[in-house]
Amino acid sequence: MGESKRRKRVLGEDYGKEERFISWLPLTKTQAEDAYNLTTRGAWIGIALLAFGWITIRFIGPTFGWWEVN
């Protein structure tokens, strides 16, 4: 119990608030983690779309005569 009271006294108004990711940036660690997860998911979606497009153009398109591959 003593450690908690000491920490509360030292931190003052900031006690119980989430720590910032970078001190000068108004972004908490949880928000930074959420942004990281969102961009990671977006990157994987982009990779999947790129692969789908490549397969379509390379294999499916010539089958239907859409594009000529020599």
N, C-alpha and C. Protein backbone atom coordinates (compact mmCIF):
# COMPACT_ATOMS: atom_id res chain seq x y z
N MET A 1 0.81 -1.19 0.00
CA MET A 1 0.00 0.00 0.00
C MET A 1 0.86 1.26 0.00
N GLY A 2 1.98 1.23 0.63
CA GLY A 2 2.84 2.40 0.71
C GLY A 2 3.36 2.83 -0.65
N GLU A 3 3.71 1.87 -1.51
CA GLU A 3 4.24 2.19 -2.84
C GLU A 3 3.18 2.90 -3.68
N SER A 4 1.96 2.45 -3.61
CA SER A 4 0.87 3.06 -4.37
C SER A 4 0.65 4.51 -3.93
N LYS A 5 0.66 4.74 -2.63
CA LYS A 5 0.46 6.11 -2.13
C LYS A 5 1.62 7.01 -2.53
N ARG A 6 2.84 6.49 -2.49
CA ARG A 6 4.01 7.27 -2.89
C ARG A 6 3.92 7.64 -4.36
N ARG A 7 3.54 6.68 -5.19
CA ARG A 7 3.42 6.92 -6.62
C ARG A 7 2.33 7.96 -6.89
N LYS A 8 1.22 7.87 -6.17
CA LYS A 8 0.13 8.82 -6.35
C LYS A 8 0.58 10.23 -5.95
N ARG A 9 1.35 10.33 -4.89
CA ARG A 9 1.85 11.62 -4.44
C ARG A 9 2.85 12.21 -5.44
N VAL A 10 3.71 11.38 -6.00
CA VAL A 10 4.72 11.84 -6.95
C VAL A 10 4.09 12.27 -8.27
N LEU A 11 3.16 11.48 -8.77
CA LEU A 11 2.56 11.77 -10.08
C LEU A 11 1.52 12.89 -10.02
N GLY A 12 0.87 13.05 -8.91
CA GLY A 12 -0.13 14.10 -8.77
C GLY A 12 -1.31 13.88 -9.69
N GLU A 13 -1.61 14.86 -10.56
CA GLU A 13 -2.78 14.78 -11.45
C GLU A 13 -2.63 13.70 -12.52
N ASP A 14 -1.41 13.33 -12.84
CA ASP A 14 -1.19 12.32 -13.88
C ASP A 14 -1.39 10.89 -13.38
N TYR A 15 -1.65 10.71 -12.09
CA TYR A 15 -1.84 9.37 -11.54
C TYR A 15 -3.09 8.73 -12.15
N GLY A 16 -2.93 7.52 -12.65
CA GLY A 16 -4.03 6.76 -13.23
C GLY A 16 -4.23 7.02 -14.72
N LYS A 17 -3.55 8.02 -15.26
CA LYS A 17 -3.64 8.28 -16.69
C LYS A 17 -2.66 7.39 -17.43
N GLU A 18 -3.03 7.04 -18.65
CA GLU A 18 -2.17 6.18 -19.45
C GLU A 18 -0.94 6.95 -19.93
N GLU A 19 0.19 6.27 -19.95
CA GLU A 19 1.44 6.88 -20.36
C GLU A 19 1.44 7.14 -21.86
N ARG A 20 2.07 8.24 -22.25
CA ARG A 20 2.14 8.58 -23.68
C ARG A 20 3.24 7.78 -24.36
N PHE A 21 3.02 7.52 -25.64
CA PHE A 21 3.99 6.78 -26.45
C PHE A 21 5.25 7.60 -26.63
N ILE A 22 5.10 8.85 -27.03
CA ILE A 22 6.19 9.82 -27.14
C ILE A 22 5.73 11.03 -26.35
N SER A 23 6.60 11.58 -25.52
CA SER A 23 6.17 12.62 -24.59
C SER A 23 5.54 13.83 -25.27
N TRP A 24 6.03 14.25 -26.41
CA TRP A 24 5.51 15.45 -27.07
C TRP A 24 4.37 15.16 -28.03
N LEU A 25 4.04 13.88 -28.26
CA LEU A 25 2.98 13.50 -29.18
C LEU A 25 1.75 13.07 -28.39
N PRO A 26 0.58 13.66 -28.66
CA PRO A 26 -0.61 13.30 -27.88
C PRO A 26 -1.19 11.95 -28.30
N LEU A 27 -0.42 10.90 -28.06
CA LEU A 27 -0.79 9.55 -28.47
C LEU A 27 -0.40 8.60 -27.35
N THR A 28 -1.38 7.87 -26.83
CA THR A 28 -1.08 6.94 -25.75
C THR A 28 -0.53 5.63 -26.32
N LYS A 29 0.00 4.81 -25.44
CA LYS A 29 0.57 3.53 -25.90
C LYS A 29 -0.51 2.64 -26.51
N THR A 30 -1.69 2.65 -25.97
CA THR A 30 -2.78 1.84 -26.52
C THR A 30 -3.17 2.33 -27.91
N GLN A 31 -3.24 3.64 -28.09
CA GLN A 31 -3.57 4.20 -29.40
C GLN A 31 -2.48 3.88 -30.42
N ALA A 32 -1.23 3.93 -30.00
CA ALA A 32 -0.12 3.59 -30.90
C ALA A 32 -0.19 2.12 -31.31
N GLU A 33 -0.53 1.26 -30.36
CA GLU A 33 -0.65 -0.16 -30.67
C GLU A 33 -1.81 -0.42 -31.62
N ASP A 34 -2.93 0.28 -31.43
CA ASP A 34 -4.08 0.14 -32.32
C ASP A 34 -3.73 0.60 -33.74
N ALA A 35 -2.99 1.71 -33.85
CA ALA A 35 -2.58 2.21 -35.16
C ALA A 35 -1.65 1.21 -35.84
N TYR A 36 -0.74 0.61 -35.07
CA TYR A 36 0.17 -0.40 -35.62
C TYR A 36 -0.62 -1.60 -36.14
N ASN A 37 -1.58 -2.06 -35.37
CA ASN A 37 -2.39 -3.21 -35.80
C ASN A 37 -3.19 -2.88 -37.06
N LEU A 38 -3.72 -1.66 -37.14
CA LEU A 38 -4.49 -1.25 -38.31
C LEU A 38 -3.62 -1.21 -39.56
N THR A 39 -2.43 -0.63 -39.46
CA THR A 39 -1.56 -0.55 -40.63
C THR A 39 -1.04 -1.93 -41.04
N THR A 40 -0.82 -2.81 -40.08
CA THR A 40 -0.38 -4.16 -40.40
C THR A 40 -1.49 -4.91 -41.15
N ARG A 41 -2.70 -4.78 -40.67
CA ARG A 41 -3.83 -5.42 -41.35
C ARG A 41 -4.00 -4.86 -42.76
N GLY A 42 -3.87 -3.55 -42.90
CA GLY A 42 -3.97 -2.92 -44.21
C GLY A 42 -2.90 -3.39 -45.17
N ALA A 43 -1.69 -3.59 -44.65
CA ALA A 43 -0.60 -4.08 -45.50
C ALA A 43 -0.90 -5.49 -46.00
N TRP A 44 -1.41 -6.35 -45.13
CA TRP A 44 -1.74 -7.71 -45.56
C TRP A 44 -2.88 -7.72 -46.58
N ILE A 45 -3.84 -6.83 -46.40
CA ILE A 45 -4.92 -6.72 -47.39
C ILE A 45 -4.36 -6.28 -48.73
N GLY A 46 -3.43 -5.32 -48.71
CA GLY A 46 -2.79 -4.87 -49.94
C GLY A 46 -2.00 -5.97 -50.63
N ILE A 47 -1.29 -6.77 -49.86
CA ILE A 47 -0.53 -7.89 -50.42
C ILE A 47 -1.48 -8.90 -51.07
N ALA A 48 -2.59 -9.19 -50.39
CA ALA A 48 -3.57 -10.14 -50.93
C ALA A 48 -4.18 -9.61 -52.23
N LEU A 49 -4.51 -8.31 -52.27
CA LEU A 49 -5.06 -7.73 -53.50
C LEU A 49 -4.04 -7.74 -54.63
N LEU A 50 -2.79 -7.48 -54.31
CA LEU A 50 -1.74 -7.53 -55.32
C LEU A 50 -1.60 -8.94 -55.89
N ALA A 51 -1.61 -9.95 -55.02
CA ALA A 51 -1.50 -11.34 -55.48
C ALA A 51 -2.71 -11.72 -56.33
N PHE A 52 -3.91 -11.32 -55.89
CA PHE A 52 -5.12 -11.61 -56.65
C PHE A 52 -5.07 -10.96 -58.03
N GLY A 53 -4.65 -9.71 -58.07
CA GLY A 53 -4.54 -9.02 -59.36
C GLY A 53 -3.52 -9.68 -60.27
N TRP A 54 -2.39 -10.07 -59.72
CA TRP A 54 -1.35 -10.72 -60.52
C TRP A 54 -1.85 -12.04 -61.09
N ILE A 55 -2.52 -12.84 -60.26
CA ILE A 55 -3.05 -14.12 -60.73
C ILE A 55 -4.09 -13.90 -61.82
N THR A 56 -4.94 -12.89 -61.63
CA THR A 56 -5.96 -12.59 -62.63
C THR A 56 -5.34 -12.20 -63.96
N ILE A 57 -4.38 -11.29 -63.92
CA ILE A 57 -3.77 -10.82 -65.16
C ILE A 57 -2.91 -11.90 -65.81
N ARG A 58 -2.18 -12.64 -65.02
CA ARG A 58 -1.22 -13.60 -65.56
C ARG A 58 -1.86 -14.89 -66.05
N PHE A 59 -2.83 -15.43 -65.31
CA PHE A 59 -3.39 -16.74 -65.63
C PHE A 59 -4.84 -16.70 -66.12
N ILE A 60 -5.70 -16.01 -65.43
CA ILE A 60 -7.12 -16.03 -65.78
C ILE A 60 -7.39 -15.19 -67.03
N GLY A 61 -6.76 -14.02 -67.14
CA GLY A 61 -6.97 -13.15 -68.29
C GLY A 61 -6.67 -13.82 -69.62
N PRO A 62 -5.50 -14.42 -69.79
CA PRO A 62 -5.20 -15.08 -71.08
C PRO A 62 -6.14 -16.25 -71.39
N THR A 63 -6.67 -16.90 -70.38
CA THR A 63 -7.60 -18.00 -70.61
C THR A 63 -8.84 -17.51 -71.35
N PHE A 64 -9.30 -16.34 -71.01
CA PHE A 64 -10.48 -15.78 -71.65
C PHE A 64 -10.12 -14.87 -72.83
N GLY A 65 -8.85 -14.75 -73.16
CA GLY A 65 -8.42 -13.95 -74.27
C GLY A 65 -8.41 -12.45 -73.98
N TRP A 66 -8.37 -12.06 -72.71
CA TRP A 66 -8.38 -10.65 -72.37
C TRP A 66 -7.07 -9.99 -72.70
N TRP A 67 -5.97 -10.67 -72.41
CA TRP A 67 -4.66 -10.11 -72.66
C TRP A 67 -3.83 -11.15 -73.41
N GLU A 68 -3.07 -10.69 -74.32
CA GLU A 68 -2.19 -11.60 -75.07
C GLU A 68 -0.85 -11.70 -74.36
N VAL A 69 -0.42 -12.90 -74.09
CA VAL A 69 0.89 -13.14 -73.48
C VAL A 69 1.72 -13.91 -74.48
N ASN A 70 2.83 -13.36 -74.90
CA ASN A 70 3.66 -14.02 -75.90
C ASN A 70 4.71 -14.88 -75.24
